[in-house]
């Protein structure tokens, strides 16, 4: 497969994750409740859509990341180098992002399934916290990726 296409897919998946987490966080922090759409509020609907999209983007990013490591593995610097250390930090942050994403998806599904009137008043705060942590992890991973790619 074309290495440029693989890199493009990897960067696109990261951009979708970053932008989606930012949008989901903004929806949770909005002052007004959004329109009721199929029984849910704007944060619930935005969160539900992000969860579907994010798992696809995570899968694509992981597959293309593994592909990149496989294609360029012979030429990678060792883990004891500065570059290798940053790669280990990036992969470790990814290992935190995956279970967080699972928990976040389960919380969104549970809250979305409950009638809006029975949701705790802290729903927006909980979702905002989960999306803020998600955004911080994705942003950190992205910044590390930029360093790894450029120097």
C-alpha atoms as a PDB file:
ATOM      1  CA  UNK A   1       0.000   0.000   0.000  1.00  0.00           C
ATOM      2  CA  UNK A   2       1.105   3.549  -0.678  1.00  0.00           C
ATOM      3  CA  UNK A   3       2.921   4.948   2.419  1.00  0.00           C
ATOM      4  CA  UNK A   4       1.589   8.447   1.713  1.00  0.00           C
ATOM      5  CA  UNK A   5      -1.979   7.154   1.749  1.00  0.00           C
ATOM      6  CA  UNK A   6      -1.367   5.341   5.035  1.00  0.00           C
ATOM      7  CA  UNK A   7       0.075   8.507   6.619  1.00  0.00           C
ATOM      8  CA  UNK A   8      -2.811  10.579   5.253  1.00  0.00           C
ATOM      9  CA  UNK A   9      -5.341   8.138   6.750  1.00  0.00           C
ATOM     10  CA  UNK A  10      -3.496   8.223  10.094  1.00  0.00           C
ATOM     11  CA  UNK A  11      -3.469  12.031  10.249  1.00  0.00           C
ATOM     12  CA  UNK A  12      -7.097  12.227   9.112  1.00  0.00           C
ATOM     13  CA  UNK A  13      -8.184   9.806  11.838  1.00  0.00           C
ATOM     14  CA  UNK A  14      -6.320  11.896  14.430  1.00  0.00           C
ATOM     15  CA  UNK A  15      -7.939  15.082  13.120  1.00  0.00           C
ATOM     16  CA  UNK A  16     -11.403  13.516  13.336  1.00  0.00           C
ATOM     17  CA  UNK A  17     -10.717  12.449  16.928  1.00  0.00           C
ATOM     18  CA  UNK A  18      -9.385  15.847  17.930  1.00  0.00           C
ATOM     19  CA  UNK A  19     -12.166  17.821  16.267  1.00  0.00           C
ATOM     20  CA  UNK A  20     -14.877  15.453  17.453  1.00  0.00           C
ATOM     21  CA  UNK A  21     -13.718  15.568  21.077  1.00  0.00           C
ATOM     22  CA  UNK A  22     -13.602  19.363  20.907  1.00  0.00           C
ATOM     23  CA  UNK A  23     -17.123  19.508  19.459  1.00  0.00           C
ATOM     24  CA  UNK A  24     -18.484  17.053  22.044  1.00  0.00           C
ATOM     25  CA  UNK A  25     -16.899  19.065  24.860  1.00  0.00           C
ATOM     26  CA  UNK A  26     -18.332  22.313  23.462  1.00  0.00           C
ATOM     27  CA  UNK A  27     -21.802  20.739  23.293  1.00  0.00           C
ATOM     28  CA  UNK A  28     -21.555  19.691  26.946  1.00  0.00           C
ATOM     29  CA  UNK A  29     -20.346  23.082  28.083  1.00  0.00           C
ATOM     30  CA  UNK A  30     -22.981  25.024  26.150  1.00  0.00           C
ATOM     31  CA  UNK A  31     -25.224  27.244  28.230  1.00  0.00           C
ATOM     32  CA  UNK A  32     -28.479  26.271  26.564  1.00  0.00           C
ATOM     33  CA  UNK A  33     -29.896  22.835  26.270  1.00  0.00           C
ATOM     34  CA  UNK A  34     -30.165  21.829  22.669  1.00  0.00           C
ATOM     35  CA  UNK A  35     -33.348  20.884  20.902  1.00  0.00           C
ATOM     36  CA  UNK A  36     -34.887  17.643  21.974  1.00  0.00           C
ATOM     37  CA  UNK A  37     -34.124  15.271  19.165  1.00  0.00           C
ATOM     38  CA  UNK A  38     -35.436  11.726  19.528  1.00  0.00           C
ATOM     39  CA  UNK A  39     -35.746  12.266  23.265  1.00  0.00           C
ATOM     40  CA  UNK A  40     -32.196  13.498  23.841  1.00  0.00           C
ATOM     41  CA  UNK A  41     -30.485  16.792  24.387  1.00  0.00           C
ATOM     42  CA  UNK A  42     -27.730  18.276  22.267  1.00  0.00           C
ATOM     43  CA  UNK A  43     -24.908  16.907  24.483  1.00  0.00           C
ATOM     44  CA  UNK A  44     -26.422  13.410  24.381  1.00  0.00           C
ATOM     45  CA  UNK A  45     -26.911  13.432  20.618  1.00  0.00           C
ATOM     46  CA  UNK A  46     -23.487  14.957  19.950  1.00  0.00           C
ATOM     47  CA  UNK A  47     -21.885  12.484  22.338  1.00  0.00           C
ATOM     48  CA  UNK A  48     -23.643   9.520  20.756  1.00  0.00           C
ATOM     49  CA  UNK A  49     -22.538  10.556  17.276  1.00  0.00           C
ATOM     50  CA  UNK A  50     -18.987  11.168  18.448  1.00  0.00           C
ATOM     51  CA  UNK A  51     -18.832   7.720  20.054  1.00  0.00           C
ATOM     52  CA  UNK A  52     -19.675   6.012  16.758  1.00  0.00           C
ATOM     53  CA  UNK A  53     -17.260   8.135  14.776  1.00  0.00           C
ATOM     54  CA  UNK A  54     -14.477   7.988  17.360  1.00  0.00           C
ATOM     55  CA  UNK A  55     -14.318   4.186  17.448  1.00  0.00           C
ATOM     56  CA  UNK A  56     -13.924   4.104  13.683  1.00  0.00           C
ATOM     57  CA  UNK A  57     -11.251   6.788  13.836  1.00  0.00           C
ATOM     58  CA  UNK A  58      -9.440   5.032  16.705  1.00  0.00           C
ATOM     59  CA  UNK A  59      -9.478   1.780  14.757  1.00  0.00           C
ATOM     60  CA  UNK A  60      -8.129   3.497  11.648  1.00  0.00           C
ATOM     61  CA  UNK A  61      -5.449   5.346  13.627  1.00  0.00           C
ATOM     62  CA  UNK A  62      -4.312   2.160  15.373  1.00  0.00           C
ATOM     63  CA  UNK A  63      -4.238   0.132  12.149  1.00  0.00           C
ATOM     64  CA  UNK A  64      -2.334   2.781  10.219  1.00  0.00           C
ATOM     65  CA  UNK A  65      -0.042   3.415  13.188  1.00  0.00           C
ATOM     66  CA  UNK A  66       0.832  -0.268  13.387  1.00  0.00           C
ATOM     67  CA  UNK A  67       1.293  -0.242   9.619  1.00  0.00           C
ATOM     68  CA  UNK A  68       3.641   2.723   9.867  1.00  0.00           C
ATOM     69  CA  UNK A  69       5.643   1.057  12.626  1.00  0.00           C
ATOM     70  CA  UNK A  70       5.842  -2.123  10.579  1.00  0.00           C
ATOM     71  CA  UNK A  71       6.885  -0.307   7.417  1.00  0.00           C
ATOM     72  CA  UNK A  72       9.509   1.852   9.089  1.00  0.00           C
ATOM     73  CA  UNK A  73      10.396  -0.351  12.083  1.00  0.00           C
ATOM     74  CA  UNK A  74      13.852  -1.210  10.824  1.00  0.00           C
ATOM     75  CA  UNK A  75      14.774   2.474  10.700  1.00  0.00           C
ATOM     76  CA  UNK A  76      13.252   3.516  14.049  1.00  0.00           C
ATOM     77  CA  UNK A  77      15.489   4.732  16.827  1.00  0.00           C
ATOM     78  CA  UNK A  78      15.693   2.544  19.938  1.00  0.00           C
ATOM     79  CA  UNK A  79      13.412   3.101  22.925  1.00  0.00           C
ATOM     80  CA  UNK A  80      16.409   4.369  24.909  1.00  0.00           C
ATOM     81  CA  UNK A  81      16.811   7.354  22.558  1.00  0.00           C
ATOM     82  CA  UNK A  82      14.907  10.612  23.034  1.00  0.00           C
ATOM     83  CA  UNK A  83      12.770   9.882  19.954  1.00  0.00           C
ATOM     84  CA  UNK A  84      12.064   6.338  21.161  1.00  0.00           C
ATOM     85  CA  UNK A  85      11.111   7.669  24.586  1.00  0.00           C
ATOM     86  CA  UNK A  86       8.575  10.030  23.034  1.00  0.00           C
ATOM     87  CA  UNK A  87       7.154   7.135  21.015  1.00  0.00           C
ATOM     88  CA  UNK A  88       6.746   5.103  24.216  1.00  0.00           C
ATOM     89  CA  UNK A  89       4.969   8.029  25.892  1.00  0.00           C
ATOM     90  CA  UNK A  90       2.662   8.377  22.867  1.00  0.00           C
ATOM     91  CA  UNK A  91       1.820   4.663  22.937  1.00  0.00           C
ATOM     92  CA  UNK A  92       1.283   4.768  26.705  1.00  0.00           C
ATOM     93  CA  UNK A  93      -1.151   7.676  26.336  1.00  0.00           C
ATOM     94  CA  UNK A  94      -2.967   5.649  23.690  1.00  0.00           C
ATOM     95  CA  UNK A  95      -3.258   2.809  26.194  1.00  0.00           C
ATOM     96  CA  UNK A  96      -4.977   5.256  28.583  1.00  0.00           C
ATOM     97  CA  UNK A  97      -7.235   6.597  25.822  1.00  0.00           C
ATOM     98  CA  UNK A  98      -8.640   3.196  24.852  1.00  0.00           C
ATOM     99  CA  UNK A  99     -10.174   2.187  28.222  1.00  0.00           C
ATOM    100  CA  UNK A 100     -11.270   5.802  28.828  1.00  0.00           C
ATOM    101  CA  UNK A 101     -13.069   5.690  25.493  1.00  0.00           C
ATOM    102  CA  UNK A 102     -14.798   2.473  26.465  1.00  0.00           C
ATOM    103  CA  UNK A 103     -15.968   3.959  29.773  1.00  0.00           C
ATOM    104  CA  UNK A 104     -17.065   7.170  28.020  1.00  0.00           C
ATOM    105  CA  UNK A 105     -19.035   5.219  25.416  1.00  0.00           C
ATOM    106  CA  UNK A 106     -20.773   3.164  28.108  1.00  0.00           C
ATOM    107  CA  UNK A 107     -21.649   6.299  30.103  1.00  0.00           C
ATOM    108  CA  UNK A 108     -23.087   8.012  27.023  1.00  0.00           C
ATOM    109  CA  UNK A 109     -25.093   4.895  26.105  1.00  0.00           C
ATOM    110  CA  UNK A 110     -26.473   4.524  29.635  1.00  0.00           C
ATOM    111  CA  UNK A 111     -27.357   8.210  29.974  1.00  0.00           C
ATOM    112  CA  UNK A 112     -28.880   8.345  26.504  1.00  0.00           C
ATOM    113  CA  UNK A 113     -31.040   5.276  27.226  1.00  0.00           C
ATOM    114  CA  UNK A 114     -32.458   6.863  30.391  1.00  0.00           C
ATOM    115  CA  UNK A 115     -35.399   9.260  30.054  1.00  0.00           C
ATOM    116  CA  UNK A 116     -34.188  12.852  30.071  1.00  0.00           C
ATOM    117  CA  UNK A 117     -36.213  13.612  33.207  1.00  0.00           C
ATOM    118  CA  UNK A 118     -34.487  10.834  35.165  1.00  0.00           C
ATOM    119  CA  UNK A 119     -30.931  11.830  34.241  1.00  0.00           C
ATOM    120  CA  UNK A 120     -28.908  13.294  37.093  1.00  0.00           C
ATOM    121  CA  UNK A 121     -28.426  17.053  36.973  1.00  0.00           C
ATOM    122  CA  UNK A 122     -24.696  16.437  36.853  1.00  0.00           C
ATOM    123  CA  UNK A 123     -24.958  14.692  33.461  1.00  0.00           C
ATOM    124  CA  UNK A 124     -23.470  17.625  31.560  1.00  0.00           C
ATOM    125  CA  UNK A 125     -20.640  17.943  34.077  1.00  0.00           C
ATOM    126  CA  UNK A 126     -19.818  14.247  33.876  1.00  0.00           C
ATOM    127  CA  UNK A 127     -19.830  14.268  30.082  1.00  0.00           C
ATOM    128  CA  UNK A 128     -17.816  17.488  29.991  1.00  0.00           C
ATOM    129  CA  UNK A 129     -15.192  15.951  32.286  1.00  0.00           C
ATOM    130  CA  UNK A 130     -14.959  12.776  30.188  1.00  0.00           C
ATOM    131  CA  UNK A 131     -14.642  14.767  26.965  1.00  0.00           C
ATOM    132  CA  UNK A 132     -12.106  17.167  28.507  1.00  0.00           C
ATOM    133  CA  UNK A 133      -9.886  14.248  29.546  1.00  0.00           C
ATOM    134  CA  UNK A 134     -10.362  12.670  26.118  1.00  0.00           C
ATOM    135  CA  UNK A 135      -9.448  15.936  24.408  1.00  0.00           C
ATOM    136  CA  UNK A 136      -6.353  16.379  26.590  1.00  0.00           C
ATOM    137  CA  UNK A 137      -5.154  12.857  25.788  1.00  0.00           C
ATOM    138  CA  UNK A 138      -5.790  13.221  22.052  1.00  0.00           C
ATOM    139  CA  UNK A 139      -4.102  16.620  21.977  1.00  0.00           C
ATOM    140  CA  UNK A 140      -1.083  15.232  23.848  1.00  0.00           C
ATOM    141  CA  UNK A 141      -0.862  12.259  21.488  1.00  0.00           C
ATOM    142  CA  UNK A 142      -1.138  14.600  18.486  1.00  0.00           C
ATOM    143  CA  UNK A 143       1.602  16.906  19.759  1.00  0.00           C
ATOM    144  CA  UNK A 144       3.873  13.931  20.396  1.00  0.00           C
ATOM    145  CA  UNK A 145       3.104  12.653  16.887  1.00  0.00           C
ATOM    146  CA  UNK A 146       4.076  16.005  15.406  1.00  0.00           C
ATOM    147  CA  UNK A 147       7.380  15.862  17.301  1.00  0.00           C
ATOM    148  CA  UNK A 148       7.999  12.294  16.193  1.00  0.00           C
ATOM    149  CA  UNK A 149       7.309  13.156  12.557  1.00  0.00           C
ATOM    150  CA  UNK A 150       9.309  16.380  12.459  1.00  0.00           C
ATOM    151  CA  UNK A 151      11.954  16.125  14.938  1.00  0.00           C
END
